Amino acid sequence: MVYFQSGFATKMVSLYDNCLTLTSLCRYSIILLALVDHKYRFRFVNVGAPGRCHDSHVYQLSKLARMVGGPLFKAPEATICGTQVPPVILCDQAFPLTPNLMKPFGHSGLLSEEQRAFNYNLSKARRIVENAFGRLKARFRFTMKRMECDVENARLVIRACCILNNICEDFNDNHSAPVAH
């Protein structure tokens, strides 16, 4: 995935402001780690890490981290303004900086004009990710509420929602249509 050409980006998000209910007394939130492309499709999902886990820890233990570090991710480099650029994934400050993870410069008052411009451009690209999650939530509004199921079923449901979201995006389905009751 090349950021400038393909528009892929990644975001670590807990889809649930409320928790998933395991029993009537126990609540549990889960994290969705997702790689999103420029067409609002979820290209990789890892669902189920406890909500209390740090984003970078979830990423480091994920299959995605192994794929990024392995031979499958060694796509041809792109030449941008005369510089060879490897495939990269856009991420936020929670992730480690690596040759294939691109994140913004820290938000201190000491950023140069070039660093501020870089952060601004990354921010514009990250809006695609925000919109992808917004479209997913608009299509599957129950994801914004507590789910009354066990964790394994919740994982399967969220994976299915991501797959169905991709199908909807491929067929230009209206993500903001009113939900029939």
N, C-alpha and C. Protein backbone atom coordinates (compact mmCIF):
# COMPACT_ATOMS: atom_id res chain seq x y z
N MET A 1 0.83 -1.16 0.00
CA MET A 1 0.00 0.00 0.00
C MET A 1 0.88 1.23 0.00
N VAL A 2 0.70 2.07 -0.93
CA VAL A 2 1.46 3.31 -1.00
C VAL A 2 0.50 4.45 -0.68
N TYR A 3 0.83 5.19 0.33
CA TYR A 3 -0.04 6.24 0.84
C TYR A 3 -0.44 7.23 -0.24
N PHE A 4 0.50 7.69 -1.02
CA PHE A 4 0.20 8.73 -2.00
C PHE A 4 -0.56 8.20 -3.22
N GLN A 5 -0.38 6.92 -3.55
CA GLN A 5 -1.02 6.38 -4.74
C GLN A 5 -2.31 5.63 -4.42
N SER A 6 -2.29 4.80 -3.41
CA SER A 6 -3.45 3.96 -3.13
C SER A 6 -4.37 4.55 -2.09
N GLY A 7 -3.85 5.42 -1.25
CA GLY A 7 -4.69 6.07 -0.26
C GLY A 7 -5.06 5.20 0.93
N PHE A 8 -4.34 4.11 1.18
CA PHE A 8 -4.66 3.28 2.34
C PHE A 8 -4.30 4.02 3.61
N ALA A 9 -4.97 3.69 4.66
CA ALA A 9 -4.66 4.25 5.96
C ALA A 9 -5.12 3.26 7.00
N THR A 10 -4.65 3.42 8.20
CA THR A 10 -5.07 2.52 9.26
C THR A 10 -5.54 3.32 10.45
N LYS A 11 -6.39 2.73 11.20
CA LYS A 11 -6.89 3.39 12.39
C LYS A 11 -7.22 2.34 13.43
N MET A 12 -6.88 2.63 14.64
CA MET A 12 -7.23 1.76 15.75
C MET A 12 -8.40 2.42 16.46
N VAL A 13 -9.49 1.74 16.56
CA VAL A 13 -10.70 2.33 17.13
C VAL A 13 -11.46 1.29 17.92
N SER A 14 -12.01 1.68 19.02
CA SER A 14 -13.02 0.87 19.67
C SER A 14 -14.35 1.38 19.17
N LEU A 15 -15.10 0.54 18.47
CA LEU A 15 -16.37 0.98 17.90
C LEU A 15 -17.42 1.22 18.95
N TYR A 16 -17.16 0.81 20.16
CA TYR A 16 -18.21 0.82 21.16
C TYR A 16 -17.92 1.82 22.25
N ASP A 17 -18.74 2.85 22.32
CA ASP A 17 -18.65 3.76 23.44
C ASP A 17 -19.16 3.06 24.69
N ASN A 18 -20.12 2.19 24.50
CA ASN A 18 -20.60 1.34 25.58
C ASN A 18 -19.86 0.01 25.46
N CYS A 19 -20.06 -0.85 26.42
CA CYS A 19 -19.35 -2.12 26.44
C CYS A 19 -20.22 -3.24 25.89
N LEU A 20 -19.58 -4.29 25.44
CA LEU A 20 -20.30 -5.49 25.06
C LEU A 20 -20.64 -6.25 26.33
N THR A 21 -21.84 -6.73 26.45
CA THR A 21 -22.26 -7.41 27.67
C THR A 21 -21.94 -8.89 27.59
N LEU A 22 -21.18 -9.37 28.56
CA LEU A 22 -20.92 -10.80 28.66
C LEU A 22 -22.00 -11.49 29.47
N THR A 23 -22.35 -10.91 30.60
CA THR A 23 -23.43 -11.41 31.44
C THR A 23 -24.18 -10.18 31.92
N SER A 24 -25.18 -10.40 32.75
CA SER A 24 -25.93 -9.24 33.24
C SER A 24 -25.09 -8.39 34.18
N LEU A 25 -23.98 -8.93 34.68
CA LEU A 25 -23.16 -8.17 35.63
C LEU A 25 -21.81 -7.76 35.07
N CYS A 26 -21.38 -8.37 33.97
CA CYS A 26 -20.02 -8.14 33.47
C CYS A 26 -20.07 -7.44 32.12
N ARG A 27 -19.25 -6.43 31.95
CA ARG A 27 -19.16 -5.72 30.68
C ARG A 27 -17.74 -5.79 30.15
N TYR A 28 -17.63 -5.76 28.83
CA TYR A 28 -16.34 -5.96 28.19
C TYR A 28 -16.34 -5.17 26.89
N SER A 29 -15.35 -4.33 26.67
CA SER A 29 -15.25 -3.62 25.39
C SER A 29 -14.13 -4.24 24.57
N ILE A 30 -14.29 -4.21 23.26
CA ILE A 30 -13.28 -4.78 22.38
C ILE A 30 -12.80 -3.73 21.39
N ILE A 31 -11.60 -3.96 20.86
CA ILE A 31 -10.97 -3.04 19.91
C ILE A 31 -11.06 -3.63 18.51
N LEU A 32 -11.30 -2.77 17.55
CA LEU A 32 -11.23 -3.13 16.14
C LEU A 32 -10.02 -2.43 15.54
N LEU A 33 -9.02 -3.21 15.13
CA LEU A 33 -7.86 -2.69 14.40
C LEU A 33 -8.19 -2.89 12.93
N ALA A 34 -8.16 -1.84 12.14
CA ALA A 34 -8.57 -1.97 10.74
C ALA A 34 -7.65 -1.20 9.81
N LEU A 35 -7.40 -1.79 8.66
CA LEU A 35 -6.70 -1.14 7.57
C LEU A 35 -7.77 -0.75 6.55
N VAL A 36 -7.87 0.53 6.24
CA VAL A 36 -8.93 1.06 5.38
C VAL A 36 -8.31 1.62 4.11
N ASP A 37 -8.95 1.35 2.97
CA ASP A 37 -8.42 1.91 1.72
C ASP A 37 -9.14 3.20 1.34
N HIS A 38 -8.73 3.77 0.23
CA HIS A 38 -9.27 5.06 -0.21
C HIS A 38 -10.72 4.98 -0.69
N LYS A 39 -11.25 3.78 -0.81
CA LYS A 39 -12.66 3.60 -1.21
C LYS A 39 -13.52 3.20 -0.01
N TYR A 40 -13.06 3.49 1.19
CA TYR A 40 -13.79 3.25 2.44
C TYR A 40 -13.99 1.77 2.73
N ARG A 41 -13.16 0.92 2.16
CA ARG A 41 -13.28 -0.52 2.39
C ARG A 41 -12.29 -0.96 3.46
N PHE A 42 -12.71 -1.92 4.24
CA PHE A 42 -11.87 -2.48 5.29
C PHE A 42 -11.07 -3.62 4.68
N ARG A 43 -9.76 -3.40 4.54
CA ARG A 43 -8.89 -4.37 3.87
C ARG A 43 -8.29 -5.38 4.83
N PHE A 44 -8.24 -5.05 6.09
CA PHE A 44 -7.76 -5.96 7.14
C PHE A 44 -8.48 -5.59 8.42
N VAL A 45 -8.96 -6.58 9.14
CA VAL A 45 -9.57 -6.32 10.44
C VAL A 45 -9.06 -7.33 11.45
N ASN A 46 -8.82 -6.84 12.64
CA ASN A 46 -8.46 -7.65 13.80
C ASN A 46 -9.41 -7.20 14.90
N VAL A 47 -10.29 -8.08 15.31
CA VAL A 47 -11.34 -7.72 16.27
C VAL A 47 -11.17 -8.55 17.52
N GLY A 48 -11.27 -7.91 18.68
CA GLY A 48 -11.40 -8.67 19.90
C GLY A 48 -10.44 -8.39 21.02
N ALA A 49 -9.41 -7.59 20.81
CA ALA A 49 -8.52 -7.27 21.92
C ALA A 49 -9.32 -6.50 22.97
N PRO A 50 -9.03 -6.72 24.24
CA PRO A 50 -9.76 -5.99 25.29
C PRO A 50 -9.60 -4.48 25.12
N GLY A 51 -10.66 -3.75 25.40
CA GLY A 51 -10.66 -2.30 25.25
C GLY A 51 -9.62 -1.58 26.09
N ARG A 52 -9.14 -2.21 27.14
CA ARG A 52 -8.14 -1.58 28.01
C ARG A 52 -6.73 -1.68 27.44
N CYS A 53 -6.52 -2.46 26.37
CA CYS A 53 -5.18 -2.62 25.78
C CYS A 53 -4.78 -1.36 25.02
N HIS A 54 -3.49 -1.08 25.02
CA HIS A 54 -2.97 0.07 24.28
C HIS A 54 -2.93 -0.26 22.79
N ASP A 55 -3.26 0.73 21.97
CA ASP A 55 -3.32 0.53 20.52
C ASP A 55 -2.05 -0.07 19.94
N SER A 56 -0.89 0.45 20.34
CA SER A 56 0.37 -0.05 19.76
C SER A 56 0.61 -1.50 20.15
N HIS A 57 0.20 -1.89 21.34
CA HIS A 57 0.36 -3.28 21.78
C HIS A 57 -0.52 -4.21 20.94
N VAL A 58 -1.75 -3.80 20.68
CA VAL A 58 -2.66 -4.59 19.85
C VAL A 58 -2.06 -4.74 18.45
N TYR A 59 -1.54 -3.66 17.90
CA TYR A 59 -0.93 -3.72 16.57
C TYR A 59 0.27 -4.66 16.57
N GLN A 60 1.17 -4.50 17.54
CA GLN A 60 2.39 -5.30 17.56
C GLN A 60 2.11 -6.80 17.67
N LEU A 61 1.00 -7.17 18.28
CA LEU A 61 0.64 -8.58 18.41
C LEU A 61 -0.23 -9.08 17.25
N SER A 62 -0.57 -8.20 16.32
CA SER A 62 -1.50 -8.56 15.25
C SER A 62 -0.79 -9.21 14.06
N LYS A 63 -1.60 -9.90 13.28
CA LYS A 63 -1.12 -10.49 12.03
C LYS A 63 -0.69 -9.38 11.06
N LEU A 64 -1.35 -8.23 11.13
CA LEU A 64 -0.99 -7.11 10.26
C LEU A 64 0.45 -6.69 10.48
N ALA A 65 0.89 -6.61 11.72
CA ALA A 65 2.28 -6.21 12.01
C ALA A 65 3.26 -7.22 11.40
N ARG A 66 2.93 -8.50 11.48
CA ARG A 66 3.80 -9.52 10.88
C ARG A 66 3.79 -9.41 9.36
N MET A 67 2.63 -9.12 8.79
CA MET A 67 2.54 -8.97 7.33
C MET A 67 3.34 -7.76 6.85
N VAL A 68 3.24 -6.66 7.58
CA VAL A 68 3.97 -5.44 7.20
C VAL A 68 5.47 -5.67 7.26
N GLY A 69 5.92 -6.46 8.23
CA GLY A 69 7.34 -6.73 8.36
C GLY A 69 7.84 -7.85 7.47
N GLY A 70 6.94 -8.54 6.78
CA GLY A 70 7.31 -9.70 5.98
C GLY A 70 7.39 -9.42 4.49
N PRO A 71 7.64 -10.48 3.72
CA PRO A 71 7.82 -10.33 2.27
C PRO A 71 6.56 -9.94 1.50
N LEU A 72 5.38 -10.23 2.04
CA LEU A 72 4.14 -9.88 1.34
C LEU A 72 3.95 -8.38 1.20
N PHE A 73 4.56 -7.62 2.07
CA PHE A 73 4.37 -6.17 2.06
C PHE A 73 5.47 -5.45 1.28
N LYS A 74 6.35 -6.18 0.67
CA LYS A 74 7.46 -5.56 -0.06
C LYS A 74 7.05 -5.24 -1.49
N ALA A 75 6.05 -4.40 -1.61
CA ALA A 75 5.58 -3.96 -2.93
C ALA A 75 6.61 -3.02 -3.55
N PRO A 76 6.50 -2.78 -4.84
CA PRO A 76 7.43 -1.84 -5.47
C PRO A 76 7.33 -0.45 -4.84
N GLU A 77 8.47 0.18 -4.72
CA GLU A 77 8.48 1.54 -4.17
C GLU A 77 7.97 2.52 -5.22
N ALA A 78 7.42 3.61 -4.75
CA ALA A 78 6.97 4.68 -5.63
C ALA A 78 8.01 5.80 -5.61
N THR A 79 8.10 6.53 -6.69
CA THR A 79 8.98 7.69 -6.73
C THR A 79 8.10 8.93 -6.60
N ILE A 80 8.33 9.67 -5.53
CA ILE A 80 7.56 10.89 -5.26
C ILE A 80 8.55 12.04 -5.12
N CYS A 81 8.43 13.01 -5.99
CA CYS A 81 9.34 14.17 -6.00
C CYS A 81 10.80 13.72 -6.02
N GLY A 82 11.09 12.68 -6.81
CA GLY A 82 12.45 12.21 -6.95
C GLY A 82 12.95 11.33 -5.82
N THR A 83 12.10 10.98 -4.87
CA THR A 83 12.50 10.16 -3.73
C THR A 83 11.77 8.83 -3.78
N GLN A 84 12.53 7.73 -3.60
CA GLN A 84 11.92 6.41 -3.53
C GLN A 84 11.19 6.28 -2.19
N VAL A 85 9.91 5.92 -2.24
CA VAL A 85 9.09 5.80 -1.04
C VAL A 85 8.55 4.37 -0.97
N PRO A 86 8.81 3.68 0.15
CA PRO A 86 8.29 2.31 0.29
C PRO A 86 6.79 2.35 0.56
N PRO A 87 6.12 1.20 0.46
CA PRO A 87 4.71 1.16 0.85
C PRO A 87 4.59 1.55 2.32
N VAL A 88 3.61 2.38 2.64
CA VAL A 88 3.43 2.84 4.02
C VAL A 88 1.97 2.76 4.42
N ILE A 89 1.77 2.68 5.72
CA ILE A 89 0.44 2.72 6.32
C ILE A 89 0.39 3.97 7.18
N LEU A 90 -0.63 4.74 6.99
CA LEU A 90 -0.85 5.94 7.78
C LEU A 90 -1.41 5.54 9.14
N CYS A 91 -0.86 6.08 10.20
CA CYS A 91 -1.34 5.75 11.55
C CYS A 91 -1.27 7.00 12.43
N ASP A 92 -1.72 6.85 13.66
CA ASP A 92 -1.68 7.99 14.56
C ASP A 92 -0.52 7.86 15.54
N GLN A 93 -0.44 8.78 16.49
CA GLN A 93 0.70 8.87 17.41
C GLN A 93 0.88 7.63 18.28
N ALA A 94 -0.17 6.84 18.47
CA ALA A 94 -0.09 5.68 19.35
C ALA A 94 0.81 4.58 18.80
N PHE A 95 1.06 4.60 17.50
CA PHE A 95 1.82 3.54 16.86
C PHE A 95 3.30 3.87 16.83
N PRO A 96 4.16 2.84 16.73
CA PRO A 96 5.60 3.10 16.62
C PRO A 96 5.93 3.61 15.21
N LEU A 97 6.95 4.42 15.11
CA LEU A 97 7.42 4.88 13.81
C LEU A 97 8.33 3.81 13.23
N THR A 98 7.99 3.30 12.07
CA THR A 98 8.80 2.28 11.38
C THR A 98 8.89 2.69 9.91
N PRO A 99 9.72 2.00 9.13
CA PRO A 99 9.80 2.35 7.71
C PRO A 99 8.46 2.23 6.97
N ASN A 100 7.54 1.41 7.48
CA ASN A 100 6.27 1.22 6.81
C ASN A 100 5.08 1.82 7.54
N LEU A 101 5.30 2.46 8.68
CA LEU A 101 4.23 3.15 9.41
C LEU A 101 4.53 4.64 9.40
N MET A 102 3.64 5.41 8.83
CA MET A 102 3.82 6.86 8.75
C MET A 102 2.89 7.52 9.75
N LYS A 103 3.46 8.31 10.64
CA LYS A 103 2.64 9.00 11.63
C LYS A 103 3.04 10.47 11.70
N PRO A 104 2.18 11.31 12.25
CA PRO A 104 2.49 12.75 12.29
C PRO A 104 3.61 13.05 13.26
N PHE A 105 4.23 14.21 13.06
CA PHE A 105 5.20 14.71 14.02
C PHE A 105 4.47 15.04 15.31
N GLY A 106 5.19 14.94 16.44
CA GLY A 106 4.60 15.27 17.73
C GLY A 106 4.08 16.70 17.74
N HIS A 107 3.03 16.92 18.51
CA HIS A 107 2.38 18.24 18.53
C HIS A 107 3.05 19.16 19.56
N SER A 108 4.20 19.63 19.21
CA SER A 108 4.85 20.62 20.06
C SER A 108 4.88 21.94 19.30
N GLY A 109 5.13 23.00 20.00
CA GLY A 109 5.19 24.31 19.37
C GLY A 109 6.45 24.51 18.55
N LEU A 110 7.30 23.49 18.50
CA LEU A 110 8.59 23.63 17.83
C LEU A 110 8.62 23.03 16.43
N LEU A 111 7.47 22.76 15.85
CA LEU A 111 7.44 22.16 14.52
C LEU A 111 7.80 23.19 13.46
N SER A 112 8.56 22.75 12.47
CA SER A 112 8.90 23.62 11.35
C SER A 112 7.68 23.76 10.44
N GLU A 113 7.77 24.67 9.50
CA GLU A 113 6.68 24.85 8.53
C GLU A 113 6.47 23.57 7.72
N GLU A 114 7.56 22.90 7.35
CA GLU A 114 7.44 21.65 6.59
C GLU A 114 6.77 20.56 7.41
N GLN A 115 7.12 20.48 8.70
CA GLN A 115 6.51 19.47 9.57
C GLN A 115 5.02 19.75 9.77
N ARG A 116 4.66 21.01 9.93
CA ARG A 116 3.23 21.34 10.06
C ARG A 116 2.47 21.00 8.77
N ALA A 117 3.08 21.27 7.62
CA ALA A 117 2.45 20.94 6.33
C ALA A 117 2.30 19.42 6.19
N PHE A 118 3.32 18.68 6.61
CA PHE A 118 3.26 17.22 6.59
C PHE A 118 2.11 16.72 7.46
N ASN A 119 2.03 17.22 8.68
CA ASN A 119 0.94 16.82 9.59
C ASN A 119 -0.43 17.17 9.01
N TYR A 120 -0.54 18.32 8.38
CA TYR A 120 -1.81 18.73 7.78
C TYR A 120 -2.23 17.75 6.68
N ASN A 121 -1.27 17.39 5.82
CA ASN A 121 -1.59 16.47 4.73
C ASN A 121 -1.95 15.07 5.25
N LEU A 122 -1.27 14.62 6.29
CA LEU A 122 -1.63 13.33 6.90
C LEU A 122 -3.03 13.41 7.50
N SER A 123 -3.33 14.54 8.11
CA SER A 123 -4.64 14.74 8.71
C SER A 123 -5.74 14.66 7.66
N LYS A 124 -5.50 15.24 6.49
CA LYS A 124 -6.49 15.18 5.41
C LYS A 124 -6.71 13.74 4.98
N ALA A 125 -5.65 12.98 4.87
CA ALA A 125 -5.78 11.58 4.45
C ALA A 125 -6.47 10.74 5.53
N ARG A 126 -6.24 11.06 6.79
CA ARG A 126 -6.87 10.31 7.88
C ARG A 126 -8.38 10.53 7.92
N ARG A 127 -8.85 11.60 7.33
CA ARG A 127 -10.31 11.82 7.28
C ARG A 127 -11.01 10.71 6.52
N ILE A 128 -10.33 10.11 5.56
CA ILE A 128 -10.90 8.97 4.85
C ILE A 128 -11.20 7.84 5.83
N VAL A 129 -10.28 7.62 6.74
CA VAL A 129 -10.46 6.57 7.74
C VAL A 129 -11.63 6.91 8.66
N GLU A 130 -11.67 8.15 9.12
CA GLU A 130 -12.78 8.58 9.98
C GLU A 130 -14.11 8.39 9.25
N ASN A 131 -14.14 8.75 7.97
CA ASN A 131 -15.36 8.59 7.18
C ASN A 131 -15.72 7.12 7.00
N ALA A 132 -14.72 6.26 6.81
CA ALA A 132 -15.01 4.83 6.65
C ALA A 132 -15.68 4.28 7.90
N PHE A 133 -15.17 4.65 9.07
CA PHE A 133 -15.79 4.18 10.31
C PHE A 133 -17.17 4.81 10.49
N GLY A 134 -17.33 6.05 10.09
CA GLY A 134 -18.64 6.69 10.16
C GLY A 134 -19.65 6.01 9.26
N ARG A 135 -19.22 5.62 8.07
CA ARG A 135 -20.11 4.92 7.14
C ARG A 135 -20.49 3.54 7.69
N LEU A 136 -19.52 2.86 8.28
CA LEU A 136 -19.79 1.56 8.90
C LEU A 136 -20.84 1.71 10.01
N LYS A 137 -20.66 2.71 10.85
CA LYS A 137 -21.60 2.94 11.95
C LYS A 137 -22.97 3.36 11.44
N ALA A 138 -23.02 4.12 10.34
CA ALA A 138 -24.31 4.54 9.77
C ALA A 138 -25.07 3.34 9.21
N ARG A 139 -24.34 2.41 8.63
CA ARG A 139 -25.00 1.22 8.07
C ARG A 139 -25.43 0.24 9.16
N PHE A 140 -24.62 0.12 10.18
CA PHE A 140 -24.85 -0.87 11.24
C PHE A 140 -24.91 -0.14 12.57
N ARG A 141 -26.00 0.55 12.79
CA ARG A 141 -26.13 1.46 13.93
C ARG A 141 -26.06 0.75 15.27
N PHE A 142 -26.34 -0.53 15.29
CA PHE A 142 -26.26 -1.26 16.56
C PHE A 142 -24.84 -1.30 17.10
N THR A 143 -23.83 -1.03 16.24
CA THR A 143 -22.44 -1.03 16.72
C THR A 143 -22.15 0.12 17.67
N MET A 144 -23.04 1.09 17.73
CA MET A 144 -22.84 2.22 18.63
C MET A 144 -23.47 1.98 20.00
N LYS A 145 -24.06 0.82 20.19
CA LYS A 145 -24.72 0.50 21.45
C LYS A 145 -24.08 -0.75 22.06
N ARG A 146 -24.51 -1.05 23.25
CA ARG A 146 -24.06 -2.27 23.91
C ARG A 146 -24.66 -3.46 23.17
N MET A 147 -23.84 -4.45 22.90
CA MET A 147 -24.32 -5.66 22.24
C MET A 147 -24.57 -6.72 23.30
N GLU A 148 -25.71 -7.33 23.23
CA GLU A 148 -26.09 -8.35 24.21
C GLU A 148 -25.70 -9.73 23.69
N CYS A 149 -24.41 -10.00 23.67
CA CYS A 149 -23.92 -11.30 23.22
C CYS A 149 -22.55 -11.54 23.82
N ASP A 150 -22.06 -12.77 23.68
CA ASP A 150 -20.74 -13.05 24.22
C ASP A 150 -19.67 -12.46 23.29
N VAL A 151 -18.45 -12.41 23.79
CA VAL A 151 -17.36 -11.74 23.06
C VAL A 151 -17.09 -12.40 21.72
N GLU A 152 -17.07 -13.73 21.66
CA GLU A 152 -16.78 -14.40 20.39
C GLU A 152 -17.84 -14.08 19.34
N ASN A 153 -19.09 -14.08 19.73
CA ASN A 153 -20.15 -13.70 18.78
C ASN A 153 -20.00 -12.24 18.36
N ALA A 154 -19.63 -11.37 19.28
CA ALA A 154 -19.43 -9.96 18.94
C ALA A 154 -18.32 -9.82 17.91
N ARG A 155 -17.24 -10.57 18.07
CA ARG A 155 -16.14 -10.54 17.10
C ARG A 155 -16.64 -10.93 15.71
N LEU A 156 -17.41 -12.01 15.66
CA LEU A 156 -17.94 -12.48 14.37
C LEU A 156 -18.88 -11.46 13.75
N VAL A 157 -19.72 -10.86 14.57
CA VAL A 157 -20.68 -9.86 14.07
C VAL A 157 -19.93 -8.66 13.49
N ILE A 158 -18.91 -8.18 14.19
CA ILE A 158 -18.16 -7.01 13.70
C ILE A 158 -17.41 -7.34 12.42
N ARG A 159 -16.80 -8.53 12.36
CA ARG A 159 -16.14 -8.94 11.11
C ARG A 159 -17.15 -8.97 9.96
N ALA A 160 -18.32 -9.55 10.22
CA ALA A 160 -19.36 -9.61 9.19
C ALA A 160 -19.78 -8.21 8.75
N CYS A 161 -19.90 -7.29 9.71
CA CYS A 161 -20.27 -5.91 9.37
C CYS A 161 -19.23 -5.28 8.45
N CYS A 162 -17.95 -5.54 8.71
CA CYS A 162 -16.89 -4.98 7.85
C CYS A 162 -16.97 -5.56 6.44
N ILE A 163 -17.25 -6.86 6.34
CA ILE A 163 -17.39 -7.49 5.01
C ILE A 163 -18.60 -6.93 4.28
N LEU A 164 -19.73 -6.86 4.98
CA LEU A 164 -20.94 -6.31 4.36
C LEU A 164 -20.76 -4.85 3.97
N ASN A 165 -20.03 -4.10 4.79
CA ASN A 165 -19.73 -2.70 4.47
C ASN A 165 -18.97 -2.62 3.15
N ASN A 166 -17.99 -3.50 2.97
CA ASN A 166 -17.21 -3.50 1.72
C ASN A 166 -18.10 -3.78 0.52
N ILE A 167 -19.03 -4.73 0.66
CA ILE A 167 -19.95 -5.03 -0.43
C ILE A 167 -20.80 -3.81 -0.74
N CYS A 168 -21.30 -3.17 0.29
CA CYS A 168 -22.10 -1.94 0.10
C CYS A 168 -21.29 -0.87 -0.61
N GLU A 169 -20.04 -0.69 -0.22
CA GLU A 169 -19.19 0.32 -0.86
C GLU A 169 -18.94 -0.03 -2.32
N ASP A 170 -18.70 -1.32 -2.61
CA ASP A 170 -18.46 -1.74 -3.99
C ASP A 170 -19.66 -1.49 -4.89
N PHE A 171 -20.87 -1.55 -4.31
CA PHE A 171 -22.09 -1.33 -5.08
C PHE A 171 -22.68 0.06 -4.88
N ASN A 172 -21.87 0.97 -4.32
CA ASN A 172 -22.29 2.37 -4.11
C ASN A 172 -23.60 2.48 -3.35
N ASP A 173 -23.77 1.65 -2.34
CA ASP A 173 -24.96 1.69 -1.51
C ASP A 173 -24.96 2.97 -0.69
N ASN A 174 -26.13 3.57 -0.52
CA ASN A 174 -26.26 4.79 0.26
C ASN A 174 -26.11 4.46 1.74
N HIS A 175 -25.04 4.92 2.34
CA HIS A 175 -24.76 4.60 3.75
C HIS A 175 -25.58 5.43 4.72
N SER A 176 -26.22 6.49 4.25
CA SER A 176 -26.95 7.36 5.16
C SER A 176 -28.46 7.20 5.05
N ALA A 177 -28.91 6.16 4.38
CA ALA A 177 -30.35 5.94 4.24
C ALA A 177 -30.96 5.65 5.61
N PRO A 178 -32.18 6.10 5.84
CA PRO A 178 -32.83 5.83 7.13
C PRO A 178 -32.95 4.33 7.38
N VAL A 179 -32.82 3.96 8.63
CA VAL A 179 -32.92 2.56 9.01
C VAL A 179 -34.39 2.21 9.18
N ALA A 180 -34.83 1.14 8.52
CA ALA A 180 -36.22 0.67 8.66
C ALA A 180 -36.35 -0.08 9.97
N HIS A 181 -37.44 0.14 10.67
CA HIS A 181 -37.64 -0.54 11.96
C HIS A 181 -38.63 -1.66 11.82
